[in-house]
Amino acid sequence: MFDFNEHTHKRLNLLTGEWILVSPHRTKRPWNGKTEDAAADKMPEYDPNCYLCPGNTRAGGVVNPKYEDTFLFVNDYSALIPGIPKGDINEENLLIARSEEGICKVICFSPRHDLTLARMSPEKIVRVIDLWIEQYKELGGDPNINYVQIFENRGAIMGCSNPHPHGQIWSSQTVPDLPAKETEKQTEYKEKNGRCLLCDYLALELKKKERIVLENDGFAVLVPFWAVWPYEIMILPKRHMGSIDEMTEKEKKDLAEIMKAAGIRYDNLFKTNFPYSMGIHQKPTDGKNHDEWHFHFHYLPPLLRSATVKKFMVGYELLAMPQRDITAEQAAAKLREQPPVHYLES
């Protein structure tokens, strides 16, 4: 009898239409074996050499205000810039390019250099959420902006250039590839079934409880059935909402609390400031209704066995398709068993 906890199989990502190869027999107990703890990151509350700390000078000579809450500014090294000349290239349908404009911003979550979202209070995290909502509405209201991508790179191995707690907001003229795929798949499901894809998926996950890590009144944290990264999670609202600006004040508080709780579980897993890339996927701002969309968070972390043993995409994964050994069910169980108090504060 086939058992996906024992036998090699493929799982379908409902949001992208892509498959992932799962080989559970290769690593039955992936958290056993050598597990080195990284030295605890001891950082000051203020770093005079940090270009994100209050009152310090950024690139180009801009001085940060002595902010006491969140702080937002246009990225000094923006990947997307507004007002560029429009143009395109097409040589025999083989060399194809077109101009792309946008706006990139940086958001400092806290004036303290030594904090992360996992160690901030829910009240302070709500302020971050409020700023995300404000920027989603402001940037999305620009007729030249059709998608707003909010994200955070945490940790040097995820390309984060500064440990000060911060995230980014890149808004673009066109919808990027992954949100475009998610739009397509959610639309297909809605047209075929008359219901929301992620509402149905979350209802099934809450019923089975196999991959649920945490939940509260408004949100659930789960390891998706099709997860690629070892301890990948999603945060989904229990109520159908297409974008973050639809949340009530209670739901914003619920989100802040569950983001903090998920961050604590991550850090406690290997006793380290757990690295990840996190981003919000939500409906495009192209003026269409998009009632098929159900907003959600993706957390994509690279750590596999310990604070120093990482999972990389190599070989077969780069040339054929994604593959993982630890199953989504094993990962969820390991995250569930982590204590709710941060290891640096226990």
Protein backbone atom coordinates (compact mmCIF):
# COMPACT_ATOMS: atom_id res chain seq x y z
CA MET A 1 0.00 0.00 0.00
CA PHE A 2 1.31 3.46 -0.92
CA ASP A 3 2.08 5.68 2.08
CA PHE A 4 3.30 9.21 1.47
CA ASN A 5 5.06 9.18 4.86
CA GLU A 6 7.26 6.33 3.63
CA HIS A 7 7.41 6.29 -0.17
CA THR A 8 8.78 8.68 -2.77
CA HIS A 9 6.05 10.78 -4.34
CA LYS A 10 5.25 14.13 -5.93
CA ARG A 11 3.03 16.80 -4.40
CA LEU A 12 1.21 19.50 -6.36
CA ASN A 13 1.48 23.15 -5.38
CA LEU A 14 -2.10 24.36 -5.84
CA LEU A 15 -1.01 27.99 -6.03
CA THR A 16 1.53 27.63 -8.85
CA GLY A 17 0.65 24.38 -10.61
CA GLU A 18 4.20 23.11 -10.05
CA TRP A 19 5.21 19.76 -8.55
CA ILE A 20 7.73 18.92 -5.83
CA LEU A 21 9.46 15.56 -5.34
CA VAL A 22 9.31 14.24 -1.76
CA SER A 23 11.65 11.44 -0.61
CA PRO A 24 10.75 10.73 3.03
CA HIS A 25 12.76 7.50 3.22
CA ARG A 26 16.02 9.48 2.87
CA THR A 27 15.72 11.27 6.18
CA LYS A 28 13.25 9.70 8.54
CA ARG A 29 14.27 11.83 11.51
CA PRO A 30 15.81 14.96 9.94
CA TRP A 31 16.48 16.75 13.20
CA ASN A 32 18.69 13.95 14.60
CA GLY A 33 22.47 13.89 14.28
CA LYS A 34 24.93 16.73 14.54
CA THR A 35 23.24 19.99 15.52
CA GLU A 36 25.53 22.90 16.34
CA ASP A 37 24.01 25.91 18.07
CA ALA A 38 25.17 29.22 16.69
CA ALA A 39 26.50 31.73 19.16
CA ALA A 40 23.70 33.99 20.31
CA ASP A 41 23.68 37.24 18.38
CA LYS A 42 24.53 39.93 20.90
CA MET A 43 23.83 43.30 19.37
CA PRO A 44 23.53 46.72 20.98
CA GLU A 45 20.22 48.57 21.11
CA TYR A 46 21.92 51.29 19.04
CA ASP A 47 24.83 50.92 16.60
CA PRO A 48 26.58 54.15 15.55
CA ASN A 49 27.79 52.42 12.37
CA CYS A 50 24.34 51.19 11.30
CA TYR A 51 22.83 53.21 8.46
CA LEU A 52 19.29 52.28 9.61
CA CYS A 53 19.56 53.33 13.25
CA PRO A 54 17.90 56.61 14.31
CA GLY A 55 19.96 59.73 13.69
CA ASN A 56 22.59 57.96 11.57
CA THR A 57 23.63 58.85 8.02
CA ARG A 58 22.57 56.71 5.07
CA ALA A 59 24.16 56.41 1.62
CA GLY A 60 24.30 59.71 -0.19
CA GLY A 61 24.41 61.72 3.03
CA VAL A 62 20.74 61.46 4.04
CA VAL A 63 20.40 61.57 7.82
CA ASN A 64 17.70 59.43 9.46
CA PRO A 65 15.40 61.24 11.86
CA LYS A 66 15.64 60.16 15.49
CA TYR A 67 12.55 58.02 15.03
CA GLU A 68 10.93 56.28 17.99
CA ASP A 69 8.53 53.96 16.15
CA THR A 70 8.52 52.59 12.60
CA PHE A 71 10.40 54.51 9.91
CA LEU A 72 9.80 54.47 6.15
CA PHE A 73 11.93 55.85 3.31
CA VAL A 74 12.51 55.41 -0.41
CA ASN A 75 15.23 52.80 -0.96
CA ASP A 76 18.59 54.47 -1.63
CA TYR A 77 19.39 51.63 -4.06
CA SER A 78 15.97 51.02 -5.61
CA ALA A 79 15.66 48.13 -8.04
CA LEU A 80 12.59 49.79 -9.56
CA ILE A 81 12.38 53.51 -10.16
CA PRO A 82 9.49 55.72 -11.33
CA GLY A 83 9.25 57.73 -14.51
CA ILE A 84 11.72 55.84 -16.68
CA PRO A 85 11.31 56.12 -20.49
CA LYS A 86 8.90 53.55 -21.89
CA GLY A 87 10.34 51.18 -24.46
CA ASP A 88 10.62 47.60 -25.62
CA ILE A 89 12.84 45.34 -27.71
CA ASN A 90 11.78 42.46 -29.92
CA GLU A 91 14.26 41.00 -32.36
CA GLU A 92 12.67 38.17 -34.37
CA ASN A 93 10.70 37.08 -31.24
CA LEU A 94 14.01 35.83 -29.81
CA LEU A 95 15.42 38.84 -27.95
CA ILE A 96 12.55 40.36 -26.00
CA ALA A 97 12.62 43.03 -23.29
CA ARG A 98 10.48 45.89 -22.10
CA SER A 99 10.81 48.77 -19.66
CA GLU A 100 9.51 48.36 -16.11
CA GLU A 101 8.99 51.14 -13.62
CA GLY A 102 8.09 51.13 -9.95
CA ILE A 103 8.83 52.41 -6.46
CA CYS A 104 10.89 50.68 -3.74
CA LYS A 105 10.75 51.57 -0.06
CA VAL A 106 12.41 50.38 3.15
CA ILE A 107 10.57 50.06 6.45
CA CYS A 108 12.46 49.91 9.74
CA PHE A 109 10.33 47.88 12.13
CA SER A 110 11.83 49.35 15.29
CA PRO A 111 14.37 51.99 16.32
CA ARG A 112 16.16 49.29 18.33
CA HIS A 113 18.99 47.64 16.45
CA ASP A 114 18.83 44.42 18.47
CA LEU A 115 15.17 43.46 18.01
CA THR A 116 13.40 41.21 15.50
CA LEU A 117 9.69 40.70 14.90
CA ALA A 118 9.90 37.61 17.13
CA ARG A 119 11.03 39.78 20.05
CA MET A 120 8.87 42.84 19.47
CA SER A 121 5.59 43.27 21.33
CA PRO A 122 2.36 42.53 19.43
CA GLU A 123 1.45 46.20 19.84
CA LYS A 124 4.64 47.26 18.02
CA ILE A 125 4.05 44.65 15.32
CA VAL A 126 0.55 46.08 14.77
CA ARG A 127 2.25 49.40 13.95
CA VAL A 128 4.29 47.61 11.28
CA ILE A 129 1.10 46.04 9.90
CA ASP A 130 -0.58 49.46 9.84
CA LEU A 131 2.31 50.85 7.80
CA TRP A 132 2.13 47.88 5.40
CA ILE A 133 -1.58 48.62 4.91
CA GLU A 134 -0.95 52.32 4.41
CA GLN A 135 1.71 51.65 1.78
CA TYR A 136 -0.33 48.97 0.00
CA LYS A 137 -3.14 51.49 -0.42
CA GLU A 138 -0.91 54.45 -1.26
CA LEU A 139 1.36 52.70 -3.75
CA GLY A 140 -1.45 50.58 -5.15
CA GLY A 141 -3.45 53.74 -5.77
CA ASP A 142 -0.85 54.93 -8.28
CA PRO A 143 -2.20 54.16 -11.79
CA ASN A 144 1.31 53.07 -12.83
CA ILE A 145 1.50 50.47 -10.03
CA ASN A 146 -0.31 47.15 -10.46
CA TYR A 147 1.34 45.08 -7.74
CA VAL A 148 2.77 45.80 -4.27
CA GLN A 149 5.19 43.20 -2.91
CA ILE A 150 5.88 43.47 0.83
CA PHE A 151 8.71 41.28 2.11
CA GLU A 152 11.49 40.77 4.65
CA ASN A 153 14.88 39.13 4.22
CA ARG A 154 16.12 38.07 7.63
CA GLY A 155 19.71 36.97 8.14
CA ALA A 156 22.92 37.38 6.16
CA ILE A 157 22.49 34.04 4.35
CA MET A 158 19.24 35.38 2.91
CA GLY A 159 21.02 38.39 1.45
CA CYS A 160 20.13 40.78 4.25
CA SER A 161 22.74 43.56 4.20
CA ASN A 162 21.97 44.92 7.66
CA PRO A 163 20.83 43.15 10.89
CA HIS A 164 18.68 46.12 11.95
CA PRO A 165 15.04 44.86 11.86
CA HIS A 166 13.63 46.02 8.55
CA GLY A 167 11.71 44.94 5.48
CA GLN A 168 11.09 46.20 1.98
CA ILE A 169 8.21 47.15 -0.28
CA TRP A 170 8.71 46.87 -4.04
CA SER A 171 5.83 48.08 -6.17
CA SER A 172 5.83 47.43 -9.89
CA GLN A 173 4.10 48.33 -13.13
CA THR A 174 3.28 44.69 -13.90
CA VAL A 175 2.35 41.73 -11.69
CA PRO A 176 5.49 39.61 -10.99
CA ASP A 177 5.61 35.96 -12.06
CA LEU A 178 4.72 34.20 -8.78
CA PRO A 179 1.75 36.39 -7.83
CA ALA A 180 0.61 36.14 -11.46
CA LYS A 181 0.67 32.34 -11.22
CA GLU A 182 -1.25 32.47 -7.94
CA THR A 183 -3.82 34.77 -9.56
CA GLU A 184 -4.24 32.29 -12.42
CA LYS A 185 -4.65 29.23 -10.20
CA GLN A 186 -7.04 30.91 -7.75
CA THR A 187 -9.11 32.19 -10.68
CA GLU A 188 -9.25 28.72 -12.26
CA TYR A 189 -10.43 27.18 -8.98
CA LYS A 190 -13.06 29.88 -8.40
CA GLU A 191 -14.44 29.52 -11.94
CA LYS A 192 -14.57 25.72 -11.68
CA ASN A 193 -15.87 25.34 -8.12
CA GLY A 194 -17.51 28.66 -7.29
CA ARG A 195 -15.45 28.90 -4.10
CA CYS A 196 -12.12 30.27 -2.87
CA LEU A 197 -9.14 27.92 -3.29
CA LEU A 198 -7.41 28.88 -0.04
CA CYS A 199 -10.65 28.97 1.97
CA ASP A 200 -11.25 25.34 0.97
CA TYR A 201 -7.61 24.37 1.49
CA LEU A 202 -7.45 25.95 4.96
CA ALA A 203 -10.72 24.31 5.99
CA LEU A 204 -9.25 20.91 5.09
CA GLU A 205 -5.99 21.60 6.91
CA LEU A 206 -7.85 22.73 10.04
CA LYS A 207 -9.91 19.55 9.91
CA LYS A 208 -6.91 17.21 9.48
CA LYS A 209 -4.55 19.08 11.91
CA GLU A 210 -1.52 17.27 10.45
CA ARG A 211 0.31 20.37 9.22
CA ILE A 212 -1.14 23.08 11.49
CA VAL A 213 1.52 24.73 13.67
CA LEU A 214 -0.48 27.47 15.41
CA GLU A 215 -3.88 29.12 15.20
CA ASN A 216 -5.91 31.83 16.87
CA ASP A 217 -9.29 33.45 16.19
CA GLY A 218 -8.21 35.14 12.98
CA PHE A 219 -5.28 33.22 11.51
CA ALA A 220 -3.62 29.84 11.12
CA VAL A 221 0.06 28.96 10.65
CA LEU A 222 0.71 25.77 8.68
CA VAL A 223 3.39 23.96 6.76
CA PRO A 224 1.87 23.74 3.28
CA PHE A 225 1.34 20.25 1.87
CA TRP A 226 3.58 21.23 -1.07
CA ALA A 227 6.33 22.94 0.98
CA VAL A 228 9.75 23.14 -0.70
CA TRP A 229 11.95 24.58 2.07
CA PRO A 230 12.51 22.40 5.19
CA TYR A 231 10.49 24.51 7.65
CA GLU A 232 8.47 26.57 5.22
CA ILE A 233 5.22 27.96 6.60
CA MET A 234 2.22 29.96 5.44
CA ILE A 235 0.04 32.29 7.52
CA LEU A 236 -3.55 32.39 6.26
CA PRO A 237 -6.51 34.46 7.48
CA LYS A 238 -9.48 32.31 8.45
CA ARG A 239 -11.85 34.87 6.94
CA HIS A 240 -11.80 35.40 3.17
CA MET A 241 -9.84 38.58 2.48
CA GLY A 242 -8.10 39.56 -0.73
CA SER A 243 -5.67 42.04 0.78
CA ILE A 244 -4.35 43.25 4.12
CA ASP A 245 -6.39 46.46 4.09
CA GLU A 246 -9.55 44.40 4.68
CA MET A 247 -8.53 43.38 8.22
CA THR A 248 -10.42 44.58 11.28
CA GLU A 249 -8.53 45.97 14.29
CA LYS A 250 -9.04 42.61 16.03
CA GLU A 251 -7.62 40.74 13.03
CA LYS A 252 -4.56 42.99 12.93
CA LYS A 253 -3.93 42.16 16.59
CA ASP A 254 -4.44 38.44 15.89
CA LEU A 255 -1.98 38.63 13.00
CA ALA A 256 0.63 40.42 15.12
CA GLU A 257 0.33 37.83 17.87
CA ILE A 258 0.61 34.85 15.53
CA MET A 259 3.55 36.38 13.62
CA LYS A 260 5.39 36.80 16.91
CA ALA A 261 4.48 33.26 18.04
CA ALA A 262 5.66 31.77 14.73
CA GLY A 263 8.91 33.75 14.93
CA ILE A 264 9.57 32.45 18.45
CA ARG A 265 9.07 28.84 17.29
CA TYR A 266 11.53 29.43 14.47
CA ASP A 267 14.20 30.92 16.75
CA ASN A 268 13.73 28.20 19.38
CA LEU A 269 14.09 25.41 16.81
CA PHE A 270 17.87 25.79 16.54
CA LYS A 271 18.51 28.47 19.22
CA THR A 272 19.40 31.14 16.69
CA ASN A 273 18.01 34.20 14.94
CA PHE A 274 16.26 32.04 12.36
CA PRO A 275 16.87 33.30 8.81
CA TYR A 276 14.11 33.42 6.22
CA SER A 277 12.56 35.35 3.38
CA MET A 278 8.99 36.32 4.22
CA GLY A 279 6.48 37.97 1.92
CA ILE A 280 2.81 38.82 1.62
CA HIS A 281 0.93 37.69 -1.47
CA GLN A 282 -2.31 39.58 -2.04
CA LYS A 283 -4.50 40.80 -4.85
CA PRO A 284 -3.00 43.02 -7.55
CA THR A 285 -3.79 46.73 -7.55
CA ASP A 286 -4.77 46.83 -11.22
CA GLY A 287 -8.30 48.06 -10.60
CA LYS A 288 -9.94 44.65 -11.11
CA ASN A 289 -12.15 43.00 -8.49
CA HIS A 290 -10.03 39.89 -7.84
CA ASP A 291 -12.57 38.23 -5.54
CA GLU A 292 -10.65 34.99 -6.18
CA TRP A 293 -7.74 36.24 -4.09
CA HIS A 294 -7.13 35.14 -0.48
CA PHE A 295 -4.12 36.96 0.95
CA HIS A 296 -1.43 35.01 2.77
CA PHE A 297 2.16 35.09 4.02
CA HIS A 298 4.97 32.84 2.78
CA TYR A 299 7.97 32.15 5.06
CA LEU A 300 10.85 30.46 3.23
CA PRO A 301 13.74 29.50 5.58
CA PRO A 302 16.92 27.64 4.55
CA LEU A 303 17.91 25.88 7.80
CA LEU A 304 17.59 22.10 7.79
CA ARG A 305 19.32 20.36 10.73
CA SER A 306 20.79 23.10 12.90
CA ALA A 307 21.81 26.74 13.03
CA THR A 308 24.69 25.99 10.67
CA VAL A 309 23.37 23.20 8.43
CA LYS A 310 21.43 24.66 5.53
CA LYS A 311 19.32 23.41 2.67
CA PHE A 312 20.30 24.74 -0.74
CA MET A 313 18.78 24.28 -4.16
CA VAL A 314 21.44 22.37 -6.08
CA GLY A 315 21.83 19.68 -8.71
CA TYR A 316 18.52 17.97 -9.42
CA GLU A 317 16.58 20.86 -7.90
CA LEU A 318 18.15 23.46 -10.17
CA LEU A 319 18.03 21.29 -13.27
CA ALA A 320 14.85 19.24 -12.87
CA MET A 321 12.39 20.09 -10.06
CA PRO A 322 12.33 20.94 -6.33
CA GLN A 323 12.93 18.02 -3.93
CA ARG A 324 12.79 17.58 -0.15
CA ASP A 325 13.43 14.80 2.35
CA ILE A 326 11.72 16.01 5.52
CA THR A 327 7.98 15.83 4.96
CA ALA A 328 5.63 18.74 5.62
CA GLU A 329 4.03 16.69 8.40
CA GLN A 330 7.38 16.12 10.17
CA ALA A 331 8.28 19.80 9.89
CA ALA A 332 4.94 20.91 11.34
CA ALA A 333 5.31 18.50 14.26
CA LYS A 334 8.80 19.79 15.04
CA LEU A 335 7.62 23.42 14.99
CA ARG A 336 4.55 22.63 17.11
CA GLU A 337 6.67 21.16 19.90
CA GLN A 338 8.80 24.30 20.34
CA PRO A 339 8.18 26.27 23.54
CA PRO A 340 6.16 29.50 23.27
CA VAL A 341 8.75 31.59 25.13
CA HIS A 342 11.78 32.86 23.23
CA TYR A 343 14.98 31.03 24.16
CA LEU A 344 16.76 34.33 24.93
CA GLU A 345 14.01 35.31 27.37
CA SER A 346 13.30 32.00 29.09
